[in-house]
C-alpha atoms as a PDB file:
ATOM      1  CA  UNK A   1     -67.359 -73.636  39.929  1.00  0.00           C
ATOM      2  CA  UNK A   2     -70.792 -72.259  39.105  1.00  0.00           C
ATOM      3  CA  UNK A   3     -71.134 -68.589  38.463  1.00  0.00           C
ATOM      4  CA  UNK A   4     -73.795 -66.795  40.530  1.00  0.00           C
ATOM      5  CA  UNK A   5     -77.015 -66.230  38.592  1.00  0.00           C
ATOM      6  CA  UNK A   6     -77.772 -62.696  37.439  1.00  0.00           C
ATOM      7  CA  UNK A   7     -80.773 -61.557  39.510  1.00  0.00           C
ATOM      8  CA  UNK A   8     -83.368 -59.147  38.181  1.00  0.00           C
ATOM      9  CA  UNK A   9     -83.780 -56.635  40.953  1.00  0.00           C
ATOM     10  CA  UNK A  10     -87.450 -55.823  40.298  1.00  0.00           C
ATOM     11  CA  UNK A  11     -88.433 -59.488  40.355  1.00  0.00           C
ATOM     12  CA  UNK A  12     -86.376 -60.052  43.554  1.00  0.00           C
ATOM     13  CA  UNK A  13     -88.033 -57.064  45.274  1.00  0.00           C
ATOM     14  CA  UNK A  14     -91.531 -58.196  44.197  1.00  0.00           C
ATOM     15  CA  UNK A  15     -90.987 -61.701  45.571  1.00  0.00           C
ATOM     16  CA  UNK A  16     -89.654 -60.179  48.860  1.00  0.00           C
ATOM     17  CA  UNK A  17     -92.775 -57.954  49.204  1.00  0.00           C
ATOM     18  CA  UNK A  18     -95.071 -60.879  48.651  1.00  0.00           C
ATOM     19  CA  UNK A  19     -93.220 -62.834  51.277  1.00  0.00           C
ATOM     20  CA  UNK A  20     -93.493 -59.942  53.749  1.00  0.00           C
ATOM     21  CA  UNK A  21     -97.275 -59.751  53.182  1.00  0.00           C
ATOM     22  CA  UNK A  22     -97.610 -63.526  53.709  1.00  0.00           C
ATOM     23  CA  UNK A  23     -95.475 -63.459  56.873  1.00  0.00           C
ATOM     24  CA  UNK A  24     -97.765 -60.681  58.212  1.00  0.00           C
ATOM     25  CA  UNK A  25    -100.743 -63.005  58.018  1.00  0.00           C
ATOM     26  CA  UNK A  26    -101.762 -62.051  54.464  1.00  0.00           C
ATOM     27  CA  UNK A  27    -102.147 -58.308  54.866  1.00  0.00           C
ATOM     28  CA  UNK A  28     -99.697 -55.410  55.586  1.00  0.00           C
ATOM     29  CA  UNK A  29     -99.591 -51.680  55.305  1.00  0.00           C
ATOM     30  CA  UNK A  30     -97.289 -49.835  52.969  1.00  0.00           C
ATOM     31  CA  UNK A  31     -95.181 -48.357  55.754  1.00  0.00           C
ATOM     32  CA  UNK A  32     -94.659 -51.804  57.321  1.00  0.00           C
ATOM     33  CA  UNK A  33     -93.799 -53.327  53.931  1.00  0.00           C
ATOM     34  CA  UNK A  34     -91.303 -50.607  53.180  1.00  0.00           C
ATOM     35  CA  UNK A  35     -89.649 -50.941  56.600  1.00  0.00           C
ATOM     36  CA  UNK A  36     -89.387 -54.726  56.431  1.00  0.00           C
ATOM     37  CA  UNK A  37     -88.026 -54.700  52.887  1.00  0.00           C
ATOM     38  CA  UNK A  38     -85.637 -51.836  53.366  1.00  0.00           C
ATOM     39  CA  UNK A  39     -87.079 -50.119  50.340  1.00  0.00           C
ATOM     40  CA  UNK A  40     -88.214 -46.494  50.141  1.00  0.00           C
ATOM     41  CA  UNK A  41     -91.973 -45.956  50.441  1.00  0.00           C
ATOM     42  CA  UNK A  42     -92.109 -44.750  46.785  1.00  0.00           C
ATOM     43  CA  UNK A  43     -90.326 -47.772  45.428  1.00  0.00           C
ATOM     44  CA  UNK A  44     -92.406 -50.150  47.567  1.00  0.00           C
ATOM     45  CA  UNK A  45     -95.586 -48.313  46.505  1.00  0.00           C
ATOM     46  CA  UNK A  46     -94.703 -48.594  42.810  1.00  0.00           C
ATOM     47  CA  UNK A  47     -94.025 -52.334  43.093  1.00  0.00           C
ATOM     48  CA  UNK A  48     -97.288 -52.815  45.005  1.00  0.00           C
ATOM     49  CA  UNK A  49     -99.223 -50.942  42.316  1.00  0.00           C
ATOM     50  CA  UNK A  50     -97.768 -53.270  39.699  1.00  0.00           C
ATOM     51  CA  UNK A  51     -98.656 -56.285  41.751  1.00  0.00           C
ATOM     52  CA  UNK A  52    -102.133 -54.867  42.356  1.00  0.00           C
ATOM     53  CA  UNK A  53    -102.626 -54.314  38.627  1.00  0.00           C
ATOM     54  CA  UNK A  54    -101.578 -57.895  37.913  1.00  0.00           C
ATOM     55  CA  UNK A  55    -103.791 -59.309  40.661  1.00  0.00           C
ATOM     56  CA  UNK A  56    -101.026 -60.642  42.918  1.00  0.00           C
ATOM     57  CA  UNK A  57    -102.095 -58.249  45.734  1.00  0.00           C
ATOM     58  CA  UNK A  58    -105.454 -56.635  46.413  1.00  0.00           C
ATOM     59  CA  UNK A  59    -106.984 -53.791  48.458  1.00  0.00           C
ATOM     60  CA  UNK A  60    -110.231 -54.059  50.373  1.00  0.00           C
ATOM     61  CA  UNK A  61    -112.706 -51.218  50.960  1.00  0.00           C
ATOM     62  CA  UNK A  62    -111.964 -49.434  54.182  1.00  0.00           C
ATOM     63  CA  UNK A  63    -108.733 -51.329  54.723  1.00  0.00           C
ATOM     64  CA  UNK A  64    -105.347 -49.642  54.366  1.00  0.00           C
ATOM     65  CA  UNK A  65    -103.493 -52.925  54.067  1.00  0.00           C
ATOM     66  CA  UNK A  66    -102.286 -54.746  50.969  1.00  0.00           C
ATOM     67  CA  UNK A  67    -103.486 -58.353  50.892  1.00  0.00           C
ATOM     68  CA  UNK A  68    -102.340 -61.342  48.841  1.00  0.00           C
ATOM     69  CA  UNK A  69    -104.479 -61.281  45.715  1.00  0.00           C
ATOM     70  CA  UNK A  70    -106.489 -63.885  43.954  1.00  0.00           C
ATOM     71  CA  UNK A  71    -103.894 -64.572  41.307  1.00  0.00           C
ATOM     72  CA  UNK A  72    -101.215 -65.681  43.717  1.00  0.00           C
ATOM     73  CA  UNK A  73    -103.784 -67.636  45.762  1.00  0.00           C
ATOM     74  CA  UNK A  74    -104.829 -69.394  42.605  1.00  0.00           C
ATOM     75  CA  UNK A  75    -101.289 -70.630  42.186  1.00  0.00           C
ATOM     76  CA  UNK A  76    -101.294 -72.074  45.658  1.00  0.00           C
ATOM     77  CA  UNK A  77    -104.802 -73.481  45.081  1.00  0.00           C
ATOM     78  CA  UNK A  78    -103.740 -75.372  42.011  1.00  0.00           C
ATOM     79  CA  UNK A  79    -101.099 -77.278  43.985  1.00  0.00           C
ATOM     80  CA  UNK A  80    -103.619 -78.988  46.274  1.00  0.00           C
ATOM     81  CA  UNK A  81    -106.917 -77.209  46.825  1.00  0.00           C
ATOM     82  CA  UNK A  82    -108.493 -78.288  43.584  1.00  0.00           C
ATOM     83  CA  UNK A  83    -108.745 -81.933  44.611  1.00  0.00           C
ATOM     84  CA  UNK A  84    -110.004 -81.015  48.105  1.00  0.00           C
ATOM     85  CA  UNK A  85    -112.723 -78.793  46.638  1.00  0.00           C
ATOM     86  CA  UNK A  86    -113.775 -81.378  44.094  1.00  0.00           C
ATOM     87  CA  UNK A  87    -113.943 -84.160  46.700  1.00  0.00           C
ATOM     88  CA  UNK A  88    -115.840 -82.033  49.234  1.00  0.00           C
ATOM     89  CA  UNK A  89    -118.427 -80.733  46.746  1.00  0.00           C
ATOM     90  CA  UNK A  90    -118.961 -83.923  44.700  1.00  0.00           C
ATOM     91  CA  UNK A  91    -121.953 -85.165  46.865  1.00  0.00           C
ATOM     92  CA  UNK A  92    -123.616 -81.752  46.449  1.00  0.00           C
ATOM     93  CA  UNK A  93    -123.072 -81.818  42.690  1.00  0.00           C
ATOM     94  CA  UNK A  94    -124.590 -85.292  42.497  1.00  0.00           C
ATOM     95  CA  UNK A  95    -127.613 -84.161  44.522  1.00  0.00           C
ATOM     96  CA  UNK A  96    -128.156 -81.138  42.222  1.00  0.00           C
ATOM     97  CA  UNK A  97    -127.759 -83.333  39.118  1.00  0.00           C
ATOM     98  CA  UNK A  98    -130.377 -85.853  40.331  1.00  0.00           C
ATOM     99  CA  UNK A  99    -132.812 -83.110  41.371  1.00  0.00           C
ATOM    100  CA  UNK A 100    -132.480 -81.108  38.140  1.00  0.00           C
ATOM    101  CA  UNK A 101    -131.505 -83.801  35.536  1.00  0.00           C
ATOM    102  CA  UNK A 102    -129.297 -81.093  34.097  1.00  0.00           C
ATOM    103  CA  UNK A 103    -125.558 -81.029  33.483  1.00  0.00           C
ATOM    104  CA  UNK A 104    -123.775 -79.749  36.616  1.00  0.00           C
ATOM    105  CA  UNK A 105    -120.433 -78.074  36.525  1.00  0.00           C
ATOM    106  CA  UNK A 106    -117.874 -77.110  39.239  1.00  0.00           C
ATOM    107  CA  UNK A 107    -115.819 -74.090  38.212  1.00  0.00           C
ATOM    108  CA  UNK A 108    -112.947 -72.243  39.932  1.00  0.00           C
ATOM    109  CA  UNK A 109    -111.161 -68.978  39.034  1.00  0.00           C
ATOM    110  CA  UNK A 110    -107.772 -69.375  37.398  1.00  0.00           C
ATOM    111  CA  UNK A 111    -106.097 -66.028  36.891  1.00  0.00           C
ATOM    112  CA  UNK A 112    -108.447 -63.945  34.721  1.00  0.00           C
ATOM    113  CA  UNK A 113    -110.230 -67.050  33.462  1.00  0.00           C
ATOM    114  CA  UNK A 114    -112.385 -69.902  34.771  1.00  0.00           C
ATOM    115  CA  UNK A 115    -111.548 -73.572  34.701  1.00  0.00           C
ATOM    116  CA  UNK A 116    -113.729 -76.656  35.415  1.00  0.00           C
ATOM    117  CA  UNK A 117    -112.756 -79.241  37.962  1.00  0.00           C
ATOM    118  CA  UNK A 118    -115.812 -81.515  37.741  1.00  0.00           C
ATOM    119  CA  UNK A 119    -118.876 -82.087  35.620  1.00  0.00           C
ATOM    120  CA  UNK A 120    -121.838 -84.478  35.951  1.00  0.00           C
ATOM    121  CA  UNK A 121    -124.179 -85.317  33.120  1.00  0.00           C
ATOM    122  CA  UNK A 122    -126.811 -87.836  34.223  1.00  0.00           C
ATOM    123  CA  UNK A 123    -128.036 -88.443  30.691  1.00  0.00           C
ATOM    124  CA  UNK A 124    -124.706 -88.716  28.815  1.00  0.00           C
ATOM    125  CA  UNK A 125    -121.939 -89.292  31.353  1.00  0.00           C
ATOM    126  CA  UNK A 126    -119.105 -89.746  28.872  1.00  0.00           C
ATOM    127  CA  UNK A 127    -119.919 -86.744  26.650  1.00  0.00           C
ATOM    128  CA  UNK A 128    -118.705 -83.981  28.899  1.00  0.00           C
ATOM    129  CA  UNK A 129    -115.326 -85.384  30.120  1.00  0.00           C
ATOM    130  CA  UNK A 130    -113.315 -83.434  27.559  1.00  0.00           C
ATOM    131  CA  UNK A 131    -114.588 -80.217  29.066  1.00  0.00           C
ATOM    132  CA  UNK A 132    -112.706 -80.775  32.329  1.00  0.00           C
ATOM    133  CA  UNK A 133    -109.894 -78.346  33.029  1.00  0.00           C
ATOM    134  CA  UNK A 134    -110.690 -76.244  29.955  1.00  0.00           C
ATOM    135  CA  UNK A 135    -110.258 -72.517  30.480  1.00  0.00           C
ATOM    136  CA  UNK A 136    -112.671 -69.856  29.341  1.00  0.00           C
ATOM    137  CA  UNK A 137    -113.020 -66.086  29.725  1.00  0.00           C
ATOM    138  CA  UNK A 138    -114.817 -64.932  32.839  1.00  0.00           C
ATOM    139  CA  UNK A 139    -117.018 -62.591  30.876  1.00  0.00           C
ATOM    140  CA  UNK A 140    -118.351 -65.411  28.732  1.00  0.00           C
ATOM    141  CA  UNK A 141    -120.461 -67.525  31.123  1.00  0.00           C
ATOM    142  CA  UNK A 142    -122.690 -67.655  34.198  1.00  0.00           C
ATOM    143  CA  UNK A 143    -119.739 -69.146  36.178  1.00  0.00           C
ATOM    144  CA  UNK A 144    -117.575 -66.232  35.138  1.00  0.00           C
ATOM    145  CA  UNK A 145    -120.249 -63.701  36.063  1.00  0.00           C
ATOM    146  CA  UNK A 146    -120.352 -65.221  39.617  1.00  0.00           C
ATOM    147  CA  UNK A 147    -116.620 -64.750  40.015  1.00  0.00           C
ATOM    148  CA  UNK A 148    -116.625 -61.208  38.571  1.00  0.00           C
ATOM    149  CA  UNK A 149    -119.438 -60.316  41.032  1.00  0.00           C
ATOM    150  CA  UNK A 150    -117.943 -61.794  44.195  1.00  0.00           C
ATOM    151  CA  UNK A 151    -114.167 -62.091  43.834  1.00  0.00           C
ATOM    152  CA  UNK A 152    -112.471 -58.742  44.548  1.00  0.00           C
ATOM    153  CA  UNK A 153    -110.222 -57.312  41.834  1.00  0.00           C
ATOM    154  CA  UNK A 154    -111.169 -59.844  39.114  1.00  0.00           C
ATOM    155  CA  UNK A 155    -112.878 -57.225  36.931  1.00  0.00           C
ATOM    156  CA  UNK A 156    -109.784 -55.004  37.046  1.00  0.00           C
ATOM    157  CA  UNK A 157    -107.578 -58.027  36.197  1.00  0.00           C
ATOM    158  CA  UNK A 158    -109.817 -58.912  33.157  1.00  0.00           C
ATOM    159  CA  UNK A 159    -109.561 -55.347  31.859  1.00  0.00           C
ATOM    160  CA  UNK A 160    -105.761 -55.353  32.285  1.00  0.00           C
ATOM    161  CA  UNK A 161    -105.515 -58.301  29.909  1.00  0.00           C
ATOM    162  CA  UNK A 162    -108.552 -57.712  27.605  1.00  0.00           C
ATOM    163  CA  UNK A 163    -109.227 -53.985  27.196  1.00  0.00           C
ATOM    164  CA  UNK A 164    -112.959 -53.136  26.950  1.00  0.00           C
ATOM    165  CA  UNK A 165    -113.879 -56.765  27.767  1.00  0.00           C
ATOM    166  CA  UNK A 166    -116.472 -55.637  30.271  1.00  0.00           C
ATOM    167  CA  UNK A 167    -118.898 -53.388  28.418  1.00  0.00           C
ATOM    168  CA  UNK A 168    -121.990 -51.678  29.948  1.00  0.00           C
ATOM    169  CA  UNK A 169    -124.167 -54.814  29.468  1.00  0.00           C
ATOM    170  CA  UNK A 170    -121.602 -56.984  31.332  1.00  0.00           C
ATOM    171  CA  UNK A 171    -121.337 -54.475  34.262  1.00  0.00           C
ATOM    172  CA  UNK A 172    -125.146 -54.464  34.590  1.00  0.00           C
ATOM    173  CA  UNK A 173    -125.170 -58.245  34.633  1.00  0.00           C
ATOM    174  CA  UNK A 174    -122.470 -58.295  37.309  1.00  0.00           C
ATOM    175  CA  UNK A 175    -124.532 -55.893  39.497  1.00  0.00           C
ATOM    176  CA  UNK A 176    -127.587 -58.073  39.021  1.00  0.00           C
ATOM    177  CA  UNK A 177    -125.623 -61.147  40.163  1.00  0.00           C
ATOM    178  CA  UNK A 178    -124.510 -59.292  43.286  1.00  0.00           C
ATOM    179  CA  UNK A 179    -128.098 -58.325  44.063  1.00  0.00           C
ATOM    180  CA  UNK A 180    -129.704 -61.731  43.373  1.00  0.00           C
ATOM    181  CA  UNK A 181    -126.895 -64.090  44.419  1.00  0.00           C
ATOM    182  CA  UNK A 182    -126.983 -66.153  41.193  1.00  0.00           C
ATOM    183  CA  UNK A 183    -126.127 -65.635  37.516  1.00  0.00           C
ATOM    184  CA  UNK A 184    -128.323 -66.562  34.556  1.00  0.00           C
ATOM    185  CA  UNK A 185    -127.108 -67.563  31.076  1.00  0.00           C
ATOM    186  CA  UNK A 186    -129.932 -67.475  28.557  1.00  0.00           C
ATOM    187  CA  UNK A 187    -128.279 -68.785  25.392  1.00  0.00           C
ATOM    188  CA  UNK A 188    -125.553 -66.239  25.833  1.00  0.00           C
ATOM    189  CA  UNK A 189    -122.699 -68.752  25.811  1.00  0.00           C
ATOM    190  CA  UNK A 190    -124.086 -71.646  23.712  1.00  0.00           C
ATOM    191  CA  UNK A 191    -127.135 -71.337  21.320  1.00  0.00           C
ATOM    192  CA  UNK A 192    -130.070 -73.321  22.649  1.00  0.00           C
ATOM    193  CA  UNK A 193    -128.546 -73.780  26.107  1.00  0.00           C
ATOM    194  CA  UNK A 194    -129.680 -72.103  29.294  1.00  0.00           C
ATOM    195  CA  UNK A 195    -127.832 -72.098  32.584  1.00  0.00           C
ATOM    196  CA  UNK A 196    -127.663 -70.764  36.161  1.00  0.00           C
ATOM    197  CA  UNK A 197    -124.652 -70.491  38.457  1.00  0.00           C
ATOM    198  CA  UNK A 198    -124.239 -69.853  42.225  1.00  0.00           C
ATOM    199  CA  UNK A 199    -121.122 -69.107  44.350  1.00  0.00           C
ATOM    200  CA  UNK A 200    -119.607 -71.536  46.839  1.00  0.00           C
ATOM    201  CA  UNK A 201    -117.971 -69.844  49.788  1.00  0.00           C
ATOM    202  CA  UNK A 202    -115.333 -71.095  52.196  1.00  0.00           C
ATOM    203  CA  UNK A 203    -115.015 -68.920  55.316  1.00  0.00           C
ATOM    204  CA  UNK A 204    -116.844 -66.133  53.537  1.00  0.00           C
ATOM    205  CA  UNK A 205    -114.655 -66.178  50.457  1.00  0.00           C
ATOM    206  CA  UNK A 206    -115.923 -67.354  47.096  1.00  0.00           C
ATOM    207  CA  UNK A 207    -113.691 -70.227  46.028  1.00  0.00           C
ATOM    208  CA  UNK A 208    -115.837 -71.928  43.412  1.00  0.00           C
ATOM    209  CA  UNK A 209    -119.016 -71.722  41.416  1.00  0.00           C
ATOM    210  CA  UNK A 210    -121.606 -74.446  40.776  1.00  0.00           C
ATOM    211  CA  UNK A 211    -123.527 -74.236  37.517  1.00  0.00           C
ATOM    212  CA  UNK A 212    -126.194 -76.265  35.812  1.00  0.00           C
ATOM    213  CA  UNK A 213    -127.017 -76.170  32.119  1.00  0.00           C
ATOM    214  CA  UNK A 214    -129.584 -77.746  29.830  1.00  0.00           C
ATOM    215  CA  UNK A 215    -131.718 -77.254  26.734  1.00  0.00           C
ATOM    216  CA  UNK A 216    -133.442 -73.860  26.767  1.00  0.00           C
ATOM    217  CA  UNK A 217    -136.876 -75.420  26.166  1.00  0.00           C
ATOM    218  CA  UNK A 218    -136.576 -77.638  29.266  1.00  0.00           C
ATOM    219  CA  UNK A 219    -134.949 -74.948  31.446  1.00  0.00           C
ATOM    220  CA  UNK A 220    -136.786 -71.684  30.956  1.00  0.00           C
ATOM    221  CA  UNK A 221    -135.799 -68.662  33.067  1.00  0.00           C
ATOM    222  CA  UNK A 222    -138.520 -69.243  35.675  1.00  0.00           C
ATOM    223  CA  UNK A 223    -137.345 -72.831  36.247  1.00  0.00           C
ATOM    224  CA  UNK A 224    -133.667 -71.754  36.443  1.00  0.00           C
ATOM    225  CA  UNK A 225    -134.509 -69.322  39.215  1.00  0.00           C
ATOM    226  CA  UNK A 226    -136.240 -72.044  41.220  1.00  0.00           C
ATOM    227  CA  UNK A 227    -133.269 -74.350  40.582  1.00  0.00           C
ATOM    228  CA  UNK A 228    -130.882 -71.649  41.826  1.00  0.00           C
ATOM    229  CA  UNK A 229    -132.582 -71.616  45.240  1.00  0.00           C
ATOM    230  CA  UNK A 230    -132.512 -75.414  45.291  1.00  0.00           C
ATOM    231  CA  UNK A 231    -128.748 -75.301  44.518  1.00  0.00           C
ATOM    232  CA  UNK A 232    -128.165 -72.805  47.313  1.00  0.00           C
ATOM    233  CA  UNK A 233    -130.005 -74.938  49.825  1.00  0.00           C
ATOM    234  CA  UNK A 234    -128.036 -78.032  48.742  1.00  0.00           C
ATOM    235  CA  UNK A 235    -124.742 -76.220  49.097  1.00  0.00           C
ATOM    236  CA  UNK A 236    -125.819 -74.848  52.527  1.00  0.00           C
ATOM    237  CA  UNK A 237    -126.435 -78.411  53.699  1.00  0.00           C
ATOM    238  CA  UNK A 238    -122.983 -79.437  52.498  1.00  0.00           C
ATOM    239  CA  UNK A 239    -121.508 -76.542  54.480  1.00  0.00           C
ATOM    240  CA  UNK A 240    -122.606 -78.065  57.798  1.00  0.00           C
ATOM    241  CA  UNK A 241    -120.853 -81.318  57.034  1.00  0.00           C
ATOM    242  CA  UNK A 242    -117.290 -81.803  58.404  1.00  0.00           C
ATOM    243  CA  UNK A 243    -114.519 -81.366  55.825  1.00  0.00           C
END
């Protein structure tokens, strides 16, 4: 006869709260969460603050509800969404690669890091394959800057794991990305390499980033800005195609 497993109460309560939020359509107020869970408001609030700090729930400006956060949505995404995103965006990546003759990357957020689902290098197709699924800090690349600018709560999550990771220079870059709609990388991540990244939105939510990179001499800043607009137009055309 098997003995009953010893349950850790805080983990059990956290899982219950996440399920309550999911059953409420992805967002619920503290009072409703406390009532549905049978927990006191203070206990429910403390658990929610922990989940908020870890990125499993999030708050939105002007909204009193707690929503499922990017970190838990990433777990669900990794089960099946990655392949769907890669398949859907592959034609757009190929169009961008042909038009730019640069290396084109498809990145997605993964916790407080970025990972790459696809890459196209028209000049050396076999060279970049080892880069697939590698993870890198969000603060280290144009792709990461896109996610930090447009995915709620990511900056807080990065700081919870890497104290002082986002200095004044990074914060200024993030604000510039929000204002312009694209992120530039001028030899910041790899010496001699320039890049530009744009967001890809699904129902208004940034789910991925498309980036192109190439030698700095071939892709000066002015050309990268022109390519950013070309990338946006290419992605917009993809958005009108059925999924």
